[in-house]
Amino acid sequence: MDDPVLIEKNILERFSLHGCTALITGGGQGIGRAFAHALGEAGAKVAIADLNEDTAITTAAELRAKGIESLALQADVTQRSQVQRAVSDVLEAWGTLTIGVNNAGIGMWKDSIDLTDSDWRKIMALNLDAVFVCCQEEARGMATEGYGKIINTASMSGHIVNAPQCQAAYNTSKAGVIHLTRSLATEWANRGIRVNSISPGYIYTNLIDELVSTPEGKATMDKWLDMIPTGKLGQVTDLQGAAVFMASAASDMMTGADLVIDGGYCCW
């Protein structure tokens, strides 16, 4: 039997996010900011939640300058009450939540011999625990509509052990995000909620500028470049297409998937 979608909507219409609303955590800068622009340009209304209210306001203003309806929200996603408030603000403003992008996270380079309990909990609290809380609260907002897209920012570090830096806690947290994504995807599929993740490789952000400011940091980046088949770091814009795909009707049959975008790093 022919798929009626092929007749009712062409491929570009299925990628459109017109009529959708999105909440992006860590959306004020870096990868989250790129996601905010991408989803907004594809037609969604976008709420930017960030611990740093100033960056959220700035990014929201950038979107409005493009004619994209947006909200700036200050939120510490390690606090459930603040996640609940962010979801509530979106529902109050727009009546629905279609897309949740859980992007807030931190890294840490430290020899595991020296890793403290506080170091471990700090990484897990934001990179894994908060992702679960965000998914849960977003899903509660989506379940009444019987449709929603949740996108988690994982990392190639959830698949491999990076070199030469020591980052066992970060690697473990991102592996957890990938498996959490799969688990929630299977639980919520019958509610019309799709849960997928994006695993970036080494992406050029302000942190790279800080890294290469020292000889040791530059040597680290040179090692990365030697190990990336494409021979270059990714740009935040290299992740935007995946986010739009996962957020759109074009990916309605995909759930529990993790898309690695790393220039081939994990192929070795």
C-alpha atoms as a PDB file:
ATOM      1  CA  MET A   1       0.000   0.000   0.000  1.00  0.00           C
ATOM      2  CA  ASP A   2       1.362   3.411  -0.917  1.00  0.00           C
ATOM      3  CA  ASP A   3       2.272   5.671   2.000  1.00  0.00           C
ATOM      4  CA  PRO A   4      -0.280   8.536   1.993  1.00  0.00           C
ATOM      5  CA  VAL A   5       2.344  10.937   3.377  1.00  0.00           C
ATOM      6  CA  LEU A   6       4.101  10.816   0.009  1.00  0.00           C
ATOM      7  CA  ILE A   7       0.966  12.307  -1.499  1.00  0.00           C
ATOM      8  CA  GLU A   8      -0.122  14.622   1.327  1.00  0.00           C
ATOM      9  CA  LYS A   9       3.225  16.251   2.162  1.00  0.00           C
ATOM     10  CA  ASN A  10       6.475  16.643   0.261  1.00  0.00           C
ATOM     11  CA  ILE A  11       9.809  16.153   1.996  1.00  0.00           C
ATOM     12  CA  LEU A  12      10.419  19.835   2.707  1.00  0.00           C
ATOM     13  CA  GLU A  13       7.010  20.130   4.357  1.00  0.00           C
ATOM     14  CA  ARG A  14       7.864  17.173   6.589  1.00  0.00           C
ATOM     15  CA  PHE A  15      11.047  18.935   7.708  1.00  0.00           C
ATOM     16  CA  SER A  16       9.137  22.123   8.533  1.00  0.00           C
ATOM     17  CA  LEU A  17       8.630  23.004  12.202  1.00  0.00           C
ATOM     18  CA  HIS A  18       5.873  25.562  11.638  1.00  0.00           C
ATOM     19  CA  GLY A  19       3.335  25.275  14.431  1.00  0.00           C
ATOM     20  CA  CYS A  20       5.863  23.621  16.760  1.00  0.00           C
ATOM     21  CA  THR A  21       7.222  24.936  20.055  1.00  0.00           C
ATOM     22  CA  ALA A  22      10.643  24.087  21.471  1.00  0.00           C
ATOM     23  CA  LEU A  23      12.398  24.299  24.833  1.00  0.00           C
ATOM     24  CA  ILE A  24      16.198  24.185  24.697  1.00  0.00           C
ATOM     25  CA  THR A  25      18.306  23.876  27.849  1.00  0.00           C
ATOM     26  CA  GLY A  26      21.768  25.385  27.763  1.00  0.00           C
ATOM     27  CA  GLY A  27      20.429  27.323  24.789  1.00  0.00           C
ATOM     28  CA  GLY A  28      22.210  30.586  25.416  1.00  0.00           C
ATOM     29  CA  GLN A  29      25.570  29.688  23.918  1.00  0.00           C
ATOM     30  CA  GLY A  30      27.581  27.152  21.957  1.00  0.00           C
ATOM     31  CA  ILE A  31      25.766  24.101  20.632  1.00  0.00           C
ATOM     32  CA  GLY A  32      22.505  25.030  22.354  1.00  0.00           C
ATOM     33  CA  ARG A  33      22.482  28.446  20.707  1.00  0.00           C
ATOM     34  CA  ALA A  34      23.041  26.803  17.307  1.00  0.00           C
ATOM     35  CA  PHE A  35      20.102  24.468  17.968  1.00  0.00           C
ATOM     36  CA  ALA A  36      17.925  27.442  18.923  1.00  0.00           C
ATOM     37  CA  HIS A  37      18.665  29.212  15.649  1.00  0.00           C
ATOM     38  CA  ALA A  38      18.159  26.048  13.610  1.00  0.00           C
ATOM     39  CA  LEU A  39      14.779  25.127  15.094  1.00  0.00           C
ATOM     40  CA  GLY A  40      13.603  28.716  14.890  1.00  0.00           C
ATOM     41  CA  GLU A  41      14.667  29.085  11.271  1.00  0.00           C
ATOM     42  CA  ALA A  42      12.769  25.865  10.493  1.00  0.00           C
ATOM     43  CA  GLY A  43       9.601  27.475  11.852  1.00  0.00           C
ATOM     44  CA  ALA A  44       9.383  26.671  15.570  1.00  0.00           C
ATOM     45  CA  LYS A  45       8.770  29.050  18.430  1.00  0.00           C
ATOM     46  CA  VAL A  46      11.775  28.684  20.722  1.00  0.00           C
ATOM     47  CA  ALA A  47      12.221  29.015  24.479  1.00  0.00           C
ATOM     48  CA  ILE A  48      15.843  29.299  25.580  1.00  0.00           C
ATOM     49  CA  ALA A  49      16.556  28.112  29.120  1.00  0.00           C
ATOM     50  CA  ASP A  50      20.006  28.790  30.509  1.00  0.00           C
ATOM     51  CA  LEU A  51      21.649  29.096  33.909  1.00  0.00           C
ATOM     52  CA  ASN A  52      23.065  32.390  32.638  1.00  0.00           C
ATOM     53  CA  GLU A  53      20.043  34.612  32.108  1.00  0.00           C
ATOM     54  CA  ASP A  54      22.035  37.176  30.112  1.00  0.00           C
ATOM     55  CA  THR A  55      23.031  34.654  27.415  1.00  0.00           C
ATOM     56  CA  ALA A  56      19.442  33.407  27.227  1.00  0.00           C
ATOM     57  CA  ILE A  57      18.200  36.958  26.723  1.00  0.00           C
ATOM     58  CA  THR A  58      20.841  37.643  24.082  1.00  0.00           C
ATOM     59  CA  THR A  59      20.046  34.514  22.084  1.00  0.00           C
ATOM     60  CA  ALA A  60      16.304  35.142  22.322  1.00  0.00           C
ATOM     61  CA  ALA A  61      16.900  38.649  20.963  1.00  0.00           C
ATOM     62  CA  GLU A  62      18.910  37.189  18.069  1.00  0.00           C
ATOM     63  CA  LEU A  63      15.968  34.968  17.190  1.00  0.00           C
ATOM     64  CA  ARG A  64      13.447  37.788  17.419  1.00  0.00           C
ATOM     65  CA  ALA A  65      15.633  39.822  15.059  1.00  0.00           C
ATOM     66  CA  LYS A  66      15.030  37.025  12.533  1.00  0.00           C
ATOM     67  CA  GLY A  67      11.285  37.161  13.103  1.00  0.00           C
ATOM     68  CA  ILE A  68      11.281  34.055  15.322  1.00  0.00           C
ATOM     69  CA  GLU A  69       9.015  34.085  18.368  1.00  0.00           C
ATOM     70  CA  SER A  70      11.143  33.314  21.416  1.00  0.00           C
ATOM     71  CA  LEU A  71      11.321  33.302  25.204  1.00  0.00           C
ATOM     72  CA  ALA A  72      14.330  33.710  27.484  1.00  0.00           C
ATOM     73  CA  LEU A  73      14.174  31.652  30.689  1.00  0.00           C
ATOM     74  CA  GLN A  74      16.659  31.474  33.542  1.00  0.00           C
ATOM     75  CA  ALA A  75      16.822  27.920  34.881  1.00  0.00           C
ATOM     76  CA  ASP A  76      19.131  25.645  36.824  1.00  0.00           C
ATOM     77  CA  VAL A  77      18.155  22.280  35.358  1.00  0.00           C
ATOM     78  CA  THR A  78      19.648  20.410  38.314  1.00  0.00           C
ATOM     79  CA  GLN A  79      16.637  21.723  40.268  1.00  0.00           C
ATOM     80  CA  ARG A  80      13.388  19.946  39.346  1.00  0.00           C
ATOM     81  CA  SER A  81      11.261  22.909  40.422  1.00  0.00           C
ATOM     82  CA  GLN A  82      13.057  25.150  37.931  1.00  0.00           C
ATOM     83  CA  VAL A  83      12.625  22.626  35.117  1.00  0.00           C
ATOM     84  CA  GLN A  84       8.927  22.397  35.950  1.00  0.00           C
ATOM     85  CA  ARG A  85       8.685  26.181  35.872  1.00  0.00           C
ATOM     86  CA  ALA A  86      10.383  26.342  32.452  1.00  0.00           C
ATOM     87  CA  VAL A  87       7.987  23.776  30.978  1.00  0.00           C
ATOM     88  CA  SER A  88       5.062  25.589  32.578  1.00  0.00           C
ATOM     89  CA  ASP A  89       6.224  28.917  31.115  1.00  0.00           C
ATOM     90  CA  VAL A  90       6.285  27.391  27.619  1.00  0.00           C
ATOM     91  CA  LEU A  91       2.819  25.879  28.048  1.00  0.00           C
ATOM     92  CA  GLU A  92       1.463  29.144  29.412  1.00  0.00           C
ATOM     93  CA  ALA A  93       2.938  31.176  26.554  1.00  0.00           C
ATOM     94  CA  TRP A  94       2.160  28.848  23.643  1.00  0.00           C
ATOM     95  CA  GLY A  95      -0.289  26.233  24.904  1.00  0.00           C
ATOM     96  CA  THR A  96       1.824  23.263  23.876  1.00  0.00           C
ATOM     97  CA  LEU A  97       5.347  21.826  24.005  1.00  0.00           C
ATOM     98  CA  THR A  98       6.348  19.932  20.884  1.00  0.00           C
ATOM     99  CA  ILE A  99      10.142  19.712  21.141  1.00  0.00           C
ATOM    100  CA  GLY A 100      12.480  19.372  24.112  1.00  0.00           C
ATOM    101  CA  VAL A 101      16.219  19.690  23.547  1.00  0.00           C
ATOM    102  CA  ASN A 102      18.245  18.760  26.620  1.00  0.00           C
ATOM    103  CA  ASN A 103      21.634  20.229  25.932  1.00  0.00           C
ATOM    104  CA  ALA A 104      22.949  21.698  29.210  1.00  0.00           C
ATOM    105  CA  GLY A 105      26.128  19.998  30.366  1.00  0.00           C
ATOM    106  CA  ILE A 106      29.690  20.384  31.605  1.00  0.00           C
ATOM    107  CA  GLY A 107      33.026  18.654  31.134  1.00  0.00           C
ATOM    108  CA  MET A 108      35.904  17.882  33.455  1.00  0.00           C
ATOM    109  CA  TRP A 109      39.451  16.698  32.781  1.00  0.00           C
ATOM    110  CA  LYS A 110      40.913  15.053  35.851  1.00  0.00           C
ATOM    111  CA  ASP A 111      42.827  11.865  36.615  1.00  0.00           C
ATOM    112  CA  SER A 112      40.364   9.438  38.175  1.00  0.00           C
ATOM    113  CA  ILE A 113      42.808   8.759  41.015  1.00  0.00           C
ATOM    114  CA  ASP A 114      42.262  12.365  42.074  1.00  0.00           C
ATOM    115  CA  LEU A 115      38.537  12.581  41.303  1.00  0.00           C
ATOM    116  CA  THR A 116      36.539  13.495  44.414  1.00  0.00           C
ATOM    117  CA  ASP A 117      32.997  12.457  45.288  1.00  0.00           C
ATOM    118  CA  SER A 118      32.004  16.083  44.715  1.00  0.00           C
ATOM    119  CA  ASP A 119      33.591  16.080  41.233  1.00  0.00           C
ATOM    120  CA  TRP A 120      31.699  12.909  40.282  1.00  0.00           C
ATOM    121  CA  ARG A 121      28.357  14.138  41.589  1.00  0.00           C
ATOM    122  CA  LYS A 122      28.759  17.527  39.888  1.00  0.00           C
ATOM    123  CA  ILE A 123      29.169  15.871  36.492  1.00  0.00           C
ATOM    124  CA  MET A 124      26.359  13.361  37.017  1.00  0.00           C
ATOM    125  CA  ALA A 125      23.961  15.928  38.457  1.00  0.00           C
ATOM    126  CA  LEU A 126      24.007  18.068  35.316  1.00  0.00           C
ATOM    127  CA  ASN A 127      24.986  15.681  32.532  1.00  0.00           C
ATOM    128  CA  LEU A 128      22.754  12.737  33.464  1.00  0.00           C
ATOM    129  CA  ASP A 129      20.372  13.345  36.364  1.00  0.00           C
ATOM    130  CA  ALA A 130      19.153  16.660  34.954  1.00  0.00           C
ATOM    131  CA  VAL A 131      18.655  15.131  31.513  1.00  0.00           C
ATOM    132  CA  PHE A 132      16.302  12.556  33.047  1.00  0.00           C
ATOM    133  CA  VAL A 133      14.382  15.240  34.945  1.00  0.00           C
ATOM    134  CA  CYS A 134      14.071  17.382  31.816  1.00  0.00           C
ATOM    135  CA  CYS A 135      12.907  14.416  29.730  1.00  0.00           C
ATOM    136  CA  GLN A 136      10.365  13.480  32.376  1.00  0.00           C
ATOM    137  CA  GLU A 137       8.898  16.966  32.763  1.00  0.00           C
ATOM    138  CA  GLU A 138       8.851  17.562  29.010  1.00  0.00           C
ATOM    139  CA  ALA A 139       7.144  14.224  28.420  1.00  0.00           C
ATOM    140  CA  ARG A 140       4.468  15.092  30.956  1.00  0.00           C
ATOM    141  CA  GLY A 141       3.775  18.234  28.960  1.00  0.00           C
ATOM    142  CA  MET A 142       3.699  16.301  25.667  1.00  0.00           C
ATOM    143  CA  ALA A 143       1.682  13.264  26.749  1.00  0.00           C
ATOM    144  CA  THR A 144      -1.638  15.134  26.785  1.00  0.00           C
ATOM    145  CA  GLU A 145      -1.117  15.967  23.101  1.00  0.00           C
ATOM    146  CA  GLY A 146      -0.014  12.447  22.197  1.00  0.00           C
ATOM    147  CA  TYR A 147       2.998  13.766  20.299  1.00  0.00           C
ATOM    148  CA  GLY A 148       6.446  15.159  21.036  1.00  0.00           C
ATOM    149  CA  LYS A 149      10.115  15.057  20.143  1.00  0.00           C
ATOM    150  CA  ILE A 150      12.854  14.893  22.787  1.00  0.00           C
ATOM    151  CA  ILE A 151      16.469  15.346  21.708  1.00  0.00           C
ATOM    152  CA  ASN A 152      19.315  14.785  24.165  1.00  0.00           C
ATOM    153  CA  THR A 153      22.841  16.023  23.612  1.00  0.00           C
ATOM    154  CA  ALA A 154      25.102  13.060  24.313  1.00  0.00           C
ATOM    155  CA  SER A 155      28.682  12.789  22.998  1.00  0.00           C
ATOM    156  CA  MET A 156      30.989  10.519  21.066  1.00  0.00           C
ATOM    157  CA  SER A 157      32.584  10.193  24.535  1.00  0.00           C
ATOM    158  CA  GLY A 158      29.620   8.000  25.433  1.00  0.00           C
ATOM    159  CA  HIS A 159      30.900   5.506  22.853  1.00  0.00           C
ATOM    160  CA  ILE A 160      34.684   5.692  23.185  1.00  0.00           C
ATOM    161  CA  VAL A 161      37.421   6.679  25.649  1.00  0.00           C
ATOM    162  CA  ASN A 162      38.978   9.917  24.473  1.00  0.00           C
ATOM    163  CA  ALA A 163      42.708  10.554  24.364  1.00  0.00           C
ATOM    164  CA  PRO A 164      44.877  12.028  25.727  1.00  0.00           C
ATOM    165  CA  GLN A 165      42.669  13.732  28.360  1.00  0.00           C
ATOM    166  CA  CYS A 166      41.321  11.941  31.438  1.00  0.00           C
ATOM    167  CA  GLN A 167      37.541  12.320  31.680  1.00  0.00           C
ATOM    168  CA  ALA A 168      36.047   9.124  33.072  1.00  0.00           C
ATOM    169  CA  ALA A 169      33.156  10.897  34.787  1.00  0.00           C
ATOM    170  CA  TYR A 170      32.188  12.803  31.653  1.00  0.00           C
ATOM    171  CA  ASN A 171      32.437   9.679  29.474  1.00  0.00           C
ATOM    172  CA  THR A 172      30.278   7.729  31.890  1.00  0.00           C
ATOM    173  CA  SER A 173      27.650  10.466  32.100  1.00  0.00           C
ATOM    174  CA  LYS A 174      27.318  10.633  28.324  1.00  0.00           C
ATOM    175  CA  ALA A 175      27.132   6.845  27.981  1.00  0.00           C
ATOM    176  CA  GLY A 176      24.309   7.088  30.484  1.00  0.00           C
ATOM    177  CA  VAL A 177      22.520   9.689  28.352  1.00  0.00           C
ATOM    178  CA  ILE A 178      22.665   7.389  25.317  1.00  0.00           C
ATOM    179  CA  HIS A 179      21.188   4.437  27.194  1.00  0.00           C
ATOM    180  CA  LEU A 180      18.661   6.634  29.000  1.00  0.00           C
ATOM    181  CA  THR A 181      17.542   7.877  25.579  1.00  0.00           C
ATOM    182  CA  ARG A 182      16.997   4.315  24.366  1.00  0.00           C
ATOM    183  CA  SER A 183      15.149   3.339  27.519  1.00  0.00           C
ATOM    184  CA  LEU A 184      12.762   6.294  27.471  1.00  0.00           C
ATOM    185  CA  ALA A 185      12.212   5.860  23.744  1.00  0.00           C
ATOM    186  CA  THR A 186      10.829   2.368  24.256  1.00  0.00           C
ATOM    187  CA  GLU A 187       8.666   3.382  27.223  1.00  0.00           C
ATOM    188  CA  TRP A 188       7.106   6.432  25.593  1.00  0.00           C
ATOM    189  CA  ALA A 189       6.739   5.359  21.964  1.00  0.00           C
ATOM    190  CA  ASN A 190       3.109   4.361  22.486  1.00  0.00           C
ATOM    191  CA  ARG A 191       2.436   7.868  23.829  1.00  0.00           C
ATOM    192  CA  GLY A 192       3.586   9.388  20.558  1.00  0.00           C
ATOM    193  CA  ILE A 193       6.813  10.717  22.081  1.00  0.00           C
ATOM    194  CA  ARG A 194      10.072  10.116  20.214  1.00  0.00           C
ATOM    195  CA  VAL A 195      13.362  10.269  22.125  1.00  0.00           C
ATOM    196  CA  ASN A 196      16.691  10.443  20.266  1.00  0.00           C
ATOM    197  CA  SER A 197      20.172  11.781  20.912  1.00  0.00           C
ATOM    198  CA  ILE A 198      22.963  13.538  19.065  1.00  0.00           C
ATOM    199  CA  SER A 199      26.575  12.666  19.887  1.00  0.00           C
ATOM    200  CA  PRO A 200      28.915  15.443  18.771  1.00  0.00           C
ATOM    201  CA  GLY A 201      32.617  14.910  18.345  1.00  0.00           C
ATOM    202  CA  TYR A 202      35.101  17.715  18.881  1.00  0.00           C
ATOM    203  CA  ILE A 203      33.233  20.931  18.115  1.00  0.00           C
ATOM    204  CA  TYR A 204      34.792  24.384  17.893  1.00  0.00           C
ATOM    205  CA  THR A 205      33.432  26.592  20.694  1.00  0.00           C
ATOM    206  CA  ASN A 206      34.881  29.263  22.986  1.00  0.00           C
ATOM    207  CA  LEU A 207      36.364  26.460  25.091  1.00  0.00           C
ATOM    208  CA  ILE A 208      38.686  25.590  22.199  1.00  0.00           C
ATOM    209  CA  ASP A 209      40.050  29.142  22.192  1.00  0.00           C
ATOM    210  CA  GLU A 210      40.865  28.729  25.874  1.00  0.00           C
ATOM    211  CA  LEU A 211      42.450  25.330  25.245  1.00  0.00           C
ATOM    212  CA  VAL A 212      44.828  26.426  22.498  1.00  0.00           C
ATOM    213  CA  SER A 213      45.999  29.439  24.505  1.00  0.00           C
ATOM    214  CA  THR A 214      48.568  27.163  26.205  1.00  0.00           C
ATOM    215  CA  PRO A 215      51.246  24.971  24.584  1.00  0.00           C
ATOM    216  CA  GLU A 216      49.880  21.897  26.369  1.00  0.00           C
ATOM    217  CA  GLY A 217      46.379  22.636  25.153  1.00  0.00           C
ATOM    218  CA  LYS A 218      47.519  23.156  21.586  1.00  0.00           C
ATOM    219  CA  ALA A 219      49.369  19.826  21.689  1.00  0.00           C
ATOM    220  CA  THR A 220      46.154  18.157  22.855  1.00  0.00           C
ATOM    221  CA  MET A 221      44.165  19.634  20.000  1.00  0.00           C
ATOM    222  CA  ASP A 222      46.857  18.643  17.497  1.00  0.00           C
ATOM    223  CA  LYS A 223      46.482  15.043  18.715  1.00  0.00           C
ATOM    224  CA  TRP A 224      42.725  15.254  18.185  1.00  0.00           C
ATOM    225  CA  LEU A 225      43.177  16.551  14.667  1.00  0.00           C
ATOM    226  CA  ASP A 226      45.516  13.647  13.872  1.00  0.00           C
ATOM    227  CA  MET A 227      42.755  11.258  14.971  1.00  0.00           C
ATOM    228  CA  ILE A 228      39.867  12.849  13.068  1.00  0.00           C
ATOM    229  CA  PRO A 229      39.622  11.442   9.514  1.00  0.00           C
ATOM    230  CA  THR A 230      38.268  14.743   8.158  1.00  0.00           C
ATOM    231  CA  GLY A 231      41.265  16.500   9.736  1.00  0.00           C
ATOM    232  CA  LYS A 232      39.251  19.306  11.332  1.00  0.00           C
ATOM    233  CA  LEU A 233      37.030  20.160  14.262  1.00  0.00           C
ATOM    234  CA  GLY A 234      33.323  20.409  13.672  1.00  0.00           C
ATOM    235  CA  GLN A 235      31.395  23.663  13.809  1.00  0.00           C
ATOM    236  CA  VAL A 236      28.190  24.085  15.798  1.00  0.00           C
ATOM    237  CA  THR A 237      26.387  24.519  12.484  1.00  0.00           C
ATOM    238  CA  ASP A 238      27.384  20.955  11.553  1.00  0.00           C
ATOM    239  CA  LEU A 239      24.913  19.738  14.199  1.00  0.00           C
ATOM    240  CA  GLN A 240      21.932  21.834  13.153  1.00  0.00           C
ATOM    241  CA  GLY A 241      20.613  19.578  10.401  1.00  0.00           C
ATOM    242  CA  ALA A 242      20.419  16.602  12.749  1.00  0.00           C
ATOM    243  CA  ALA A 243      18.482  18.640  15.303  1.00  0.00           C
ATOM    244  CA  VAL A 244      15.930  19.811  12.730  1.00  0.00           C
ATOM    245  CA  PHE A 245      15.528  16.256  11.399  1.00  0.00           C
ATOM    246  CA  MET A 246      14.983  14.785  14.863  1.00  0.00           C
ATOM    247  CA  ALA A 247      12.538  17.563  15.769  1.00  0.00           C
ATOM    248  CA  SER A 248      10.468  17.247  12.592  1.00  0.00           C
ATOM    249  CA  ALA A 249       7.854  14.878  11.218  1.00  0.00           C
ATOM    250  CA  ALA A 250      10.538  13.540   8.859  1.00  0.00           C
ATOM    251  CA  SER A 251      11.872  11.452  11.764  1.00  0.00           C
ATOM    252  CA  ASP A 252       8.551  10.200  13.157  1.00  0.00           C
ATOM    253  CA  MET A 253       9.603   6.557  12.709  1.00  0.00           C
ATOM    254  CA  MET A 254      12.947   7.074  14.475  1.00  0.00           C
ATOM    255  CA  THR A 255      13.218   6.664  18.227  1.00  0.00           C
ATOM    256  CA  GLY A 256      15.961   5.452  20.538  1.00  0.00           C
ATOM    257  CA  ALA A 257      18.617   6.400  17.985  1.00  0.00           C
ATOM    258  CA  ASP A 258      21.928   8.124  18.620  1.00  0.00           C
ATOM    259  CA  LEU A 259      23.493  10.045  15.750  1.00  0.00           C
ATOM    260  CA  VAL A 260      27.280  10.449  15.989  1.00  0.00           C
ATOM    261  CA  ILE A 261      28.611  13.568  14.235  1.00  0.00           C
ATOM    262  CA  ASP A 262      32.366  13.447  14.767  1.00  0.00           C
ATOM    263  CA  GLY A 263      34.153  13.746  11.435  1.00  0.00           C
ATOM    264  CA  GLY A 264      34.782   9.996  11.539  1.00  0.00           C
ATOM    265  CA  TYR A 265      36.662   9.972  14.862  1.00  0.00           C
ATOM    266  CA  CYS A 266      34.854   6.857  16.148  1.00  0.00           C
ATOM    267  CA  CYS A 267      35.593   4.921  12.936  1.00  0.00           C
ATOM    268  CA  TRP A 268      39.183   4.129  13.845  1.00  0.00           C
END
